[in-house]
Amino acid sequence: MVEASPDRNWKASSVHLLLNSLLNKGVIEVRGFKRTAKNYARTFQPSLSKTESTYIILS
């Protein structure tokens, strides 16, 4: 997310907090894993429709 948003100055810790919050709310779910160099990174997919996720995020 950080690399895909060159106009933003997000810290990696902010992205982790956002992703964990969305996971806890059930808005996204882990889709799989992707190898990056020597590490593995999780990939995500939405678990709700856009309308449902917007409602949960704003509440």
Foldseek 3Di string as FASTA:
>chain_A
DPVVCVVDDDDPVVVVVVVVVCVVLQQKDFPAWDDDDPDIDTDIDGPDDPVVSVVSVVD
